[in-house]
PDB file of N, CA and C in Angstrom:
ATOM      1  N   GLU A   1      74.887  38.872 -15.373  1.00  0.00           N
ATOM      2  CA  GLU A   1      75.474  39.927 -14.811  1.00  0.00           C
ATOM      3  C   GLU A   1      74.841  40.458 -13.456  1.00  0.00           C
ATOM      4  N   ASP A   2      75.696  40.686 -12.652  1.00  0.00           N
ATOM      5  CA  ASP A   2      75.222  41.364 -11.529  1.00  0.00           C
ATOM      6  C   ASP A   2      75.133  43.030 -11.291  1.00  0.00           C
ATOM      7  N   CYS A   3      74.647  43.647 -10.104  1.00  0.00           N
ATOM      8  CA  CYS A   3      74.453  44.838 -10.641  1.00  0.00           C
ATOM      9  C   CYS A   3      75.494  45.520 -10.354  1.00  0.00           C
ATOM     10  N   CYS A   4      76.475  44.781  -9.658  1.00  0.00           N
ATOM     11  CA  CYS A   4      77.930  45.246  -9.429  1.00  0.00           C
ATOM     12  C   CYS A   4      78.639  46.170 -11.210  1.00  0.00           C
ATOM     13  N   THR A   5      78.409  44.808 -11.816  1.00  0.00           N
ATOM     14  CA  THR A   5      79.458  44.929 -13.026  1.00  0.00           C
ATOM     15  C   THR A   5      78.066  45.531 -13.943  1.00  0.00           C
ATOM     16  N   ILE A   6      77.306  45.920 -13.967  1.00  0.00           N
ATOM     17  CA  ILE A   6      76.389  46.966 -14.763  1.00  0.00           C
ATOM     18  C   ILE A   6      76.286  48.419 -14.288  1.00  0.00           C
ATOM     19  N   PHE A   7      76.420  48.642 -12.697  1.00  0.00           N
ATOM     20  CA  PHE A   7      76.380  50.197 -12.382  1.00  0.00           C
ATOM     21  C   PHE A   7      77.963  50.481 -12.104  1.00  0.00           C
ATOM     22  N   VAL A   8      78.528  50.048 -12.361  1.00  0.00           N
ATOM     23  CA  VAL A   8      79.856  50.431 -11.924  1.00  0.00           C
ATOM     24  C   VAL A   8      80.872  51.264 -12.740  1.00  0.00           C
ATOM     25  N   ALA A   9      81.257  52.372 -12.429  1.00  0.00           N
ATOM     26  CA  ALA A   9      81.893  52.877 -13.886  1.00  0.00           C
ATOM     27  C   ALA A   9      83.072  52.217 -14.214  1.00  0.00           C
ATOM     28  N   LYS A  10      83.411  52.322 -15.474  1.00  0.00           N
ATOM     29  CA  LYS A  10      84.488  51.649 -16.117  1.00  0.00           C
ATOM     30  C   LYS A  10      85.574  51.984 -15.735  1.00  0.00           C
ATOM     31  N   HIS A  11      86.079  53.246 -15.344  1.00  0.00           N
ATOM     32  CA  HIS A  11      86.866  53.620 -14.603  1.00  0.00           C
ATOM     33  C   HIS A  11      87.086  54.611 -13.666  1.00  0.00           C
ATOM     34  N   PRO A  12      86.558  53.971 -12.474  1.00  0.00           N
ATOM     35  CA  PRO A  12      86.652  54.593 -11.704  1.00  0.00           C
ATOM     36  C   PRO A  12      87.421  55.293 -11.035  1.00  0.00           C
ATOM     37  N   VAL A  13      87.300  56.720 -10.645  1.00  0.00           N
ATOM     38  CA  VAL A  13      88.326  57.362  -9.798  1.00  0.00           C
ATOM     39  C   VAL A  13      88.412  57.546  -8.160  1.00  0.00           C
ATOM     40  N   THR A  14      89.484  56.974  -7.819  1.00  0.00           N
ATOM     41  CA  THR A  14      89.895  56.490  -6.593  1.00  0.00           C
ATOM     42  C   THR A  14      90.248  57.971  -5.714  1.00  0.00           C
ATOM     43  N   LYS A  15      90.380  58.902  -6.393  1.00  0.00           N
ATOM     44  CA  LYS A  15      91.490  60.192  -5.612  1.00  0.00           C
ATOM     45  C   LYS A  15      90.576  61.401  -6.567  1.00  0.00           C
ATOM     46  N   PRO A  16      89.325  61.440  -6.375  1.00  0.00           N
ATOM     47  CA  PRO A  16      88.959  62.731  -7.272  1.00  0.00           C
ATOM     48  C   PRO A  16      89.406  63.725  -6.706  1.00  0.00           C
ATOM     49  N   LEU A  17      89.626  65.058  -7.264  1.00  0.00           N
ATOM     50  CA  LEU A  17      89.600  66.568  -6.961  1.00  0.00           C
ATOM     51  C   LEU A  17      88.400  67.187  -6.850  1.00  0.00           C
ATOM     52  N   LEU A  18      87.901  68.161  -5.497  1.00  0.00           N
ATOM     53  CA  LEU A  18      87.224  68.459  -5.276  1.00  0.00           C
ATOM     54  C   LEU A  18      86.530  69.343  -6.168  1.00  0.00           C
ATOM     55  N   HIS A  19      87.104  70.041  -7.127  1.00  0.00           N
ATOM     56  CA  HIS A  19      86.501  70.912  -7.914  1.00  0.00           C
ATOM     57  C   HIS A  19      85.450  70.393  -8.977  1.00  0.00           C
ATOM     58  N   LYS A  20      86.305  69.319  -9.525  1.00  0.00           N
ATOM     59  CA  LYS A  20      85.913  68.343 -10.594  1.00  0.00           C
ATOM     60  C   LYS A  20      84.298  68.054  -9.753  1.00  0.00           C
ATOM     61  N   ILE A  21      84.243  67.286  -8.730  1.00  0.00           N
ATOM     62  CA  ILE A  21      83.179  66.843  -7.713  1.00  0.00           C
ATOM     63  C   ILE A  21      81.974  68.037  -8.108  1.00  0.00           C
ATOM     64  N   GLU A  22      82.481  68.954  -7.299  1.00  0.00           N
ATOM     65  CA  GLU A  22      81.349  70.238  -7.604  1.00  0.00           C
ATOM     66  C   GLU A  22      80.970  70.518  -8.898  1.00  0.00           C
ATOM     67  N   LYS A  23      81.879  70.373  -9.739  1.00  0.00           N
ATOM     68  CA  LYS A  23      81.079  70.641 -11.110  1.00  0.00           C
ATOM     69  C   LYS A  23      79.988  69.673 -11.402  1.00  0.00           C
ATOM     70  N   SER A  24      80.819  68.160 -11.652  1.00  0.00           N
ATOM     71  CA  SER A  24      79.932  67.449 -11.578  1.00  0.00           C
ATOM     72  C   SER A  24      78.499  67.466 -11.359  1.00  0.00           C
ATOM     73  N   GLU A  25      78.334  67.559  -9.963  1.00  0.00           N
ATOM     74  CA  GLU A  25      77.547  67.843  -8.699  1.00  0.00           C
ATOM     75  C   GLU A  25      76.235  69.062  -9.387  1.00  0.00           C
ATOM     76  N   LEU A  26      76.733  70.021  -9.279  1.00  0.00           N
ATOM     77  CA  LEU A  26      76.320  71.124 -10.263  1.00  0.00           C
ATOM     78  C   LEU A  26      75.457  70.840 -11.512  1.00  0.00           C
ATOM     79  N   ALA A  27      76.068  70.383 -12.391  1.00  0.00           N
ATOM     80  CA  ALA A  27      75.566  69.632 -13.675  1.00  0.00           C
ATOM     81  C   ALA A  27      74.364  68.689 -13.603  1.00  0.00           C
ATOM     82  N   LEU A  28      74.428  68.022 -11.931  1.00  0.00           N
ATOM     83  CA  LEU A  28      73.269  67.244 -12.153  1.00  0.00           C
ATOM     84  C   LEU A  28      72.279  67.992 -11.353  1.00  0.00           C
ATOM     85  N   ALA A  29      72.428  68.915 -10.292  1.00  0.00           N
ATOM     86  CA  ALA A  29      71.633  69.698 -10.044  1.00  0.00           C
ATOM     87  C   ALA A  29      70.680  70.250 -10.937  1.00  0.00           C
ATOM     88  N   GLU A  30      71.130  70.497 -12.014  1.00  0.00           N
ATOM     89  CA  GLU A  30      70.763  71.417 -12.957  1.00  0.00           C
ATOM     90  C   GLU A  30      69.693  70.529 -13.741  1.00  0.00           C
ATOM     91  N   LYS A  31      69.444  69.161 -13.629  1.00  0.00           N
ATOM     92  CA  LYS A  31      68.801  68.337 -14.384  1.00  0.00           C
ATOM     93  C   LYS A  31      68.155  67.168 -13.831  1.00  0.00           C
ATOM     94  N   ILE A  32      68.430  67.657 -12.264  1.00  0.00           N
ATOM     95  CA  ILE A  32      67.644  66.492 -11.465  1.00  0.00           C
ATOM     96  C   ILE A  32      66.237  66.355 -11.736  1.00  0.00           C
ATOM     97  N   ASP A  33      65.492  68.040 -11.553  1.00  0.00           N
ATOM     98  CA  ASP A  33      63.852  67.940 -11.694  1.00  0.00           C
ATOM     99  C   ASP A  33      63.318  66.786 -13.279  1.00  0.00           C
ATOM    100  N   GLU A  34      64.004  67.750 -14.202  1.00  0.00           N
ATOM    101  CA  GLU A  34      64.047  67.717 -15.272  1.00  0.00           C
ATOM    102  C   GLU A  34      63.490  65.627 -15.602  1.00  0.00           C
ATOM    103  N   MET A  35      64.883  65.490 -14.648  1.00  0.00           N
ATOM    104  CA  MET A  35      65.126  63.999 -15.015  1.00  0.00           C
ATOM    105  C   MET A  35      63.874  62.847 -13.936  1.00  0.00           C
ATOM    106  N   VAL A  36      63.646  63.514 -12.818  1.00  0.00           N
ATOM    107  CA  VAL A  36      62.567  62.855 -12.224  1.00  0.00           C
ATOM    108  C   VAL A  36      61.080  63.304 -13.145  1.00  0.00           C
ATOM    109  N   GLU A  37      60.720  64.043 -13.638  1.00  0.00           N
ATOM    110  CA  GLU A  37      59.682  64.323 -14.104  1.00  0.00           C
ATOM    111  C   GLU A  37      59.495  63.827 -15.316  1.00  0.00           C
ATOM    112  N   ARG A  38      60.712  63.440 -15.904  1.00  0.00           N
ATOM    113  CA  ARG A  38      60.777  62.142 -16.944  1.00  0.00           C
ATOM    114  C   ARG A  38      60.329  61.015 -17.144  1.00  0.00           C
ATOM    115  N   ALA A  39      60.664  60.590 -15.673  1.00  0.00           N
ATOM    116  CA  ALA A  39      60.895  58.937 -15.013  1.00  0.00           C
ATOM    117  C   ALA A  39      59.113  58.323 -14.765  1.00  0.00           C
ATOM    118  N   VAL A  40      58.622  60.021 -14.048  1.00  0.00           N
ATOM    119  CA  VAL A  40      57.044  59.864 -13.496  1.00  0.00           C
ATOM    120  C   VAL A  40      56.317  59.750 -15.039  1.00  0.00           C
ATOM    121  N   GLU A  41      56.436  60.670 -16.203  1.00  0.00           N
ATOM    122  CA  GLU A  41      56.097  60.709 -16.925  1.00  0.00           C
ATOM    123  C   GLU A  41      55.837  59.305 -17.797  1.00  0.00           C
ATOM    124  N   THR A  42      57.118  58.622 -17.867  1.00  0.00           N
ATOM    125  CA  THR A  42      57.281  57.711 -18.403  1.00  0.00           C
ATOM    126  C   THR A  42      57.034  56.038 -17.691  1.00  0.00           C
ATOM    127  N   GLU A  43      56.705  56.261 -16.725  1.00  0.00           N
ATOM    128  CA  GLU A  43      56.525  54.991 -15.817  1.00  0.00           C
ATOM    129  C   GLU A  43      55.821  54.110 -16.613  1.00  0.00           C
ATOM    130  N   GLU A  44      56.450  52.794 -16.144  1.00  0.00           N
ATOM    131  CA  GLU A  44      55.440  51.648 -16.797  1.00  0.00           C
ATOM    132  C   GLU A  44      55.430  50.544 -15.904  1.00  0.00           C
ATOM    133  N   ILE A  45      53.732  50.059 -15.576  1.00  0.00           N
ATOM    134  CA  ILE A  45      53.784  48.931 -14.892  1.00  0.00           C
ATOM    135  C   ILE A  45      53.800  47.522 -15.179  1.00  0.00           C
ATOM    136  N   ILE A  46      54.259  47.115 -14.624  1.00  0.00           N
ATOM    137  CA  ILE A  46      54.533  45.580 -15.238  1.00  0.00           C
ATOM    138  C   ILE A  46      53.993  44.251 -14.319  1.00  0.00           C
ATOM    139  N   SER A  47      52.466  44.028 -14.580  1.00  0.00           N
ATOM    140  CA  SER A  47      52.476  43.003 -13.822  1.00  0.00           C
ATOM    141  C   SER A  47      52.976  41.482 -13.868  1.00  0.00           C
ATOM    142  N   VAL A  48      53.537  40.982 -13.020  1.00  0.00           N
ATOM    143  CA  VAL A  48      54.011  38.920 -13.355  1.00  0.00           C
ATOM    144  C   VAL A  48      53.188  38.324 -12.255  1.00  0.00           C
ATOM    145  N   TRP A  49      52.467  37.251 -13.127  1.00  0.00           N
ATOM    146  CA  TRP A  49      51.835  36.685 -12.463  1.00  0.00           C
ATOM    147  C   TRP A  49      52.673  35.201 -12.003  1.00  0.00           C
TER     148      TRP A  49
END
Protein backbone atom coordinates (compact mmCIF):
# COMPACT_ATOMS: atom_id res chain seq x y z
CA GLU A 1 0.00 0.00 0.00
CA ASP A 2 1.13 3.53 -0.60
CA CYS A 3 0.41 6.57 1.55
CA CYS A 4 -2.58 7.57 -0.55
CA THR A 5 -4.52 4.44 0.32
CA ILE A 6 -3.53 4.59 3.98
CA PHE A 7 -4.37 8.23 4.74
CA VAL A 8 -7.23 9.07 2.40
CA ALA A 9 -10.72 9.21 3.87
CA LYS A 10 -12.94 6.24 3.06
CA HIS A 11 -15.70 8.58 1.92
CA PRO A 12 -14.13 11.96 1.09
CA VAL A 13 -16.46 14.95 1.00
CA THR A 14 -16.06 16.94 -2.19
CA LYS A 15 -18.52 19.74 -1.37
CA PRO A 16 -18.31 20.29 2.40
CA LEU A 17 -20.56 22.68 4.27
CA LEU A 18 -18.72 25.56 5.94
CA HIS A 19 -20.43 25.13 9.31
CA LYS A 20 -19.38 21.47 9.44
CA ILE A 21 -15.77 22.38 8.63
CA GLU A 22 -15.72 25.06 11.31
CA LYS A 23 -17.16 22.62 13.86
CA SER A 24 -14.50 20.03 13.00
CA GLU A 25 -11.70 22.61 13.19
CA LEU A 26 -12.93 23.80 16.58
CA ALA A 27 -12.89 20.25 17.92
CA LEU A 28 -9.33 19.80 16.64
CA ALA A 29 -8.18 23.13 18.07
CA GLU A 30 -9.37 22.01 21.50
CA LYS A 31 -7.33 18.79 21.31
CA ILE A 32 -4.20 19.78 19.35
CA ASP A 33 -2.05 20.77 22.35
CA GLU A 34 -2.86 17.49 24.11
CA MET A 35 -2.11 15.53 20.94
CA VAL A 36 1.28 17.22 20.45
CA GLU A 37 2.18 16.72 24.11
CA ARG A 38 1.30 13.04 23.91
CA ALA A 39 3.32 12.61 20.72
CA VAL A 40 6.39 14.20 22.32
CA GLU A 41 6.02 12.15 25.51
CA THR A 42 5.74 8.87 23.61
CA GLU A 43 8.35 9.47 20.94
CA GLU A 44 10.56 6.54 20.11
CA ILE A 45 13.92 6.64 18.38
CA ILE A 46 14.63 3.72 16.09
CA SER A 47 18.13 3.39 14.65
CA VAL A 48 18.42 1.56 11.35
CA TRP A 49 21.88 0.44 10.38
